[in-house]
Amino acid sequence: ADKDQNSLVSRMHNIPGAKISSWCRERRTLEQTFKSDEIDEVLLVQAIDNDFLILEGLISNVFVVYKGGILRTAGCGVLEGYARHLIIKYASACGLEVDYQPISLSDSHLWEEILLTSSVKLVVPVDCMYVPIYQQDGNLQGFDKVWSSSGAMGFYKRLSSKLRKD
């Protein structure tokens, strides 16, 4: 069956906890549609009621530091890579409690930092997050910025220090 150009490809239909080569082919449409000079990674979400839950990126895991010292990352339906494991391992030593719930887009006002992890780049801080805006006919119109970093990057700095020591 043909997929609508704007429908999101999901790793949920196969085995999200495993690297499967067919996923590389399937994600190309998302990369071609959404990646640009300003957008380095495409995040996979699950629509629930009037919210979107962030699960992971096309080639990364996603972590958000919430106000109050909570580090949130989806616990189910994601690839559990080595870099993800390192972040979780060092979170408590950096003063954060890990919460394995998907990241709610509607909570973006509570976010202090966003980090992406991958086996290639290890840990990368995120400067801002955009969401796609669609026209009435379903075509992509552009992007709206929903979050920007304050520039503090406290957890990222503490984490980088610990990773360099080990």
Protein backbone atom coordinates (compact mmCIF):
# COMPACT_ATOMS: atom_id res chain seq x y z
CA ALA A 1 0.00 0.00 0.00
CA ASP A 2 1.22 3.52 -0.79
CA LYS A 3 2.00 5.71 2.18
CA ASP A 4 0.75 9.29 2.28
CA GLN A 5 3.74 11.62 1.87
CA ASN A 6 3.04 13.33 5.21
CA SER A 7 2.36 10.21 7.25
CA LEU A 8 5.12 9.38 9.68
CA VAL A 9 7.08 6.23 9.22
CA SER A 10 7.37 4.38 12.49
CA ARG A 11 9.78 1.83 13.84
CA MET A 12 6.93 0.57 16.01
CA HIS A 13 5.65 -1.77 13.27
CA ASN A 14 8.86 -3.76 13.25
CA ILE A 15 11.23 -4.30 16.16
CA PRO A 16 12.16 -0.88 17.60
CA GLY A 17 14.78 -2.37 19.90
CA ALA A 18 16.82 -3.76 17.00
CA LYS A 19 18.75 -2.20 14.13
CA ILE A 20 17.02 -3.39 10.97
CA SER A 21 18.41 -2.46 7.55
CA SER A 22 14.93 -1.90 6.05
CA TRP A 23 14.54 0.99 8.51
CA CYS A 24 17.28 2.90 6.66
CA ARG A 25 15.21 2.77 3.46
CA GLU A 26 11.95 3.65 5.19
CA ARG A 27 13.30 6.72 6.96
CA ARG A 28 14.61 8.33 3.74
CA THR A 29 11.22 9.92 3.05
CA LEU A 30 11.29 11.65 6.42
CA GLU A 31 14.86 12.83 5.91
CA GLN A 32 14.02 14.23 2.48
CA THR A 33 10.83 15.92 3.72
CA PHE A 34 12.01 17.40 7.01
CA LYS A 35 15.81 17.74 7.16
CA SER A 36 17.37 21.05 6.11
CA ASP A 37 20.27 23.36 6.95
CA GLU A 38 18.44 24.33 10.18
CA ILE A 39 17.05 20.88 11.03
CA ASP A 40 19.66 18.20 11.74
CA GLU A 41 17.45 15.42 13.11
CA VAL A 42 13.88 14.27 12.67
CA LEU A 43 12.08 13.07 15.79
CA LEU A 44 9.55 10.26 15.79
CA VAL A 45 6.42 10.94 17.77
CA GLN A 46 3.29 9.15 18.85
CA ALA A 47 0.06 11.16 18.69
CA ILE A 48 -2.01 10.80 21.87
CA ASP A 49 -5.17 12.88 22.25
CA ASN A 50 -4.09 16.49 21.58
CA ASP A 51 -0.42 15.90 22.33
CA PHE A 52 2.64 14.36 20.72
CA LEU A 53 4.97 12.06 22.64
CA ILE A 54 8.58 12.13 21.46
CA LEU A 55 10.04 8.64 21.24
CA GLU A 56 13.38 8.89 19.44
CA GLY A 57 15.11 10.43 16.46
CA LEU A 58 15.71 8.79 13.10
CA ILE A 59 19.33 8.15 14.11
CA SER A 60 19.36 9.15 17.78
CA ASN A 61 17.84 8.76 21.20
CA VAL A 62 16.27 11.85 22.76
CA PHE A 63 16.67 13.10 26.33
CA VAL A 64 15.04 16.13 27.90
CA VAL A 65 16.06 17.69 31.21
CA TYR A 66 12.92 18.97 32.92
CA LYS A 67 12.84 21.65 35.57
CA GLY A 68 13.22 19.98 38.96
CA GLY A 69 16.05 17.64 38.00
CA ILE A 70 14.20 15.04 35.93
CA LEU A 71 15.83 13.48 32.86
CA ARG A 72 13.16 12.00 30.63
CA THR A 73 13.55 9.56 27.75
CA ALA A 74 11.13 7.04 26.29
CA GLY A 75 11.59 3.64 27.90
CA CYS A 76 9.66 1.49 25.41
CA GLY A 77 9.63 1.33 21.65
CA VAL A 78 13.12 2.79 21.15
CA LEU A 79 16.51 1.47 20.18
CA GLU A 80 18.54 1.18 23.38
CA GLY A 81 22.00 2.04 22.14
CA TYR A 82 25.35 2.39 23.86
CA ALA A 83 25.29 6.20 24.04
CA ARG A 84 21.78 6.07 25.55
CA HIS A 85 23.10 3.67 28.17
CA LEU A 86 25.93 6.09 29.08
CA ILE A 87 23.53 9.01 29.63
CA ILE A 88 21.33 6.91 31.87
CA LYS A 89 24.38 5.57 33.74
CA TYR A 90 25.71 9.05 34.56
CA ALA A 91 22.41 10.87 35.13
CA SER A 92 22.26 10.30 38.89
CA ALA A 93 25.94 11.26 39.33
CA CYS A 94 25.02 14.53 37.59
CA GLY A 95 22.11 15.15 39.97
CA LEU A 96 19.23 13.96 37.78
CA GLU A 97 16.55 11.33 38.24
CA VAL A 98 15.73 9.29 35.12
CA ASP A 99 12.06 9.03 34.14
CA TYR A 100 11.36 6.46 31.39
CA GLN A 101 8.27 8.17 30.01
CA PRO A 102 7.98 9.58 26.51
CA ILE A 103 8.66 13.31 26.31
CA SER A 104 5.46 15.31 25.97
CA LEU A 105 5.60 18.13 23.44
CA SER A 106 3.01 20.03 25.47
CA ASP A 107 5.56 20.16 28.33
CA SER A 108 8.08 22.15 26.28
CA HIS A 109 7.74 25.12 28.66
CA LEU A 110 9.24 22.86 31.38
CA TRP A 111 12.29 21.80 29.37
CA GLU A 112 15.74 23.06 30.33
CA GLU A 113 17.89 21.03 27.94
CA ILE A 114 17.52 18.58 25.08
CA LEU A 115 20.24 16.08 24.23
CA LEU A 116 20.50 13.65 21.34
CA THR A 117 22.67 10.55 21.56
CA SER A 118 24.01 8.31 18.84
CA SER A 119 26.85 5.88 18.41
CA VAL A 120 28.53 8.26 15.95
CA LYS A 121 28.22 11.61 17.74
CA LEU A 122 27.80 10.27 21.30
CA VAL A 123 26.04 13.28 22.92
CA VAL A 124 24.87 16.45 21.19
CA PRO A 125 23.05 19.37 22.85
CA VAL A 126 20.05 20.77 20.94
CA ASP A 127 19.71 24.51 20.35
CA CYS A 128 16.05 24.57 19.32
CA MET A 129 13.13 22.39 18.28
CA TYR A 130 10.75 22.94 15.39
CA VAL A 131 7.44 21.29 14.53
CA PRO A 132 6.02 21.05 11.02
CA ILE A 133 3.08 23.24 10.00
CA TYR A 134 0.72 21.92 7.36
CA GLN A 135 -1.62 23.70 4.96
CA GLN A 136 -5.31 22.78 4.73
CA ASP A 137 -4.52 20.48 1.80
CA GLY A 138 -2.00 18.54 3.92
CA ASN A 139 1.13 19.90 2.23
CA LEU A 140 4.02 21.02 4.37
CA GLN A 141 3.95 24.80 4.78
CA GLY A 142 6.96 25.32 7.02
CA PHE A 143 8.14 24.96 10.59
CA ASP A 144 7.34 26.62 13.90
CA LYS A 145 9.92 26.90 16.68
CA VAL A 146 8.49 25.39 19.89
CA TRP A 147 11.58 25.46 22.12
CA SER A 148 14.93 27.26 22.33
CA SER A 149 17.85 26.57 24.63
CA SER A 150 18.72 29.11 27.28
CA GLY A 151 22.37 28.27 26.60
CA ALA A 152 23.10 27.10 30.16
CA MET A 153 23.58 23.39 29.29
CA GLY A 154 24.32 22.43 32.90
CA PHE A 155 23.66 18.72 32.55
CA TYR A 156 25.49 18.52 29.23
CA LYS A 157 28.57 20.17 30.75
CA ARG A 158 28.55 17.93 33.84
CA LEU A 159 27.99 14.85 31.68
CA SER A 160 30.78 15.77 29.25
CA SER A 161 33.15 16.20 32.17
CA LYS A 162 32.30 12.74 33.54
CA LEU A 163 32.60 11.11 30.12
CA ARG A 164 36.06 12.61 29.59
CA LYS A 165 37.24 11.25 32.96
CA ASP A 166 36.13 7.70 32.15
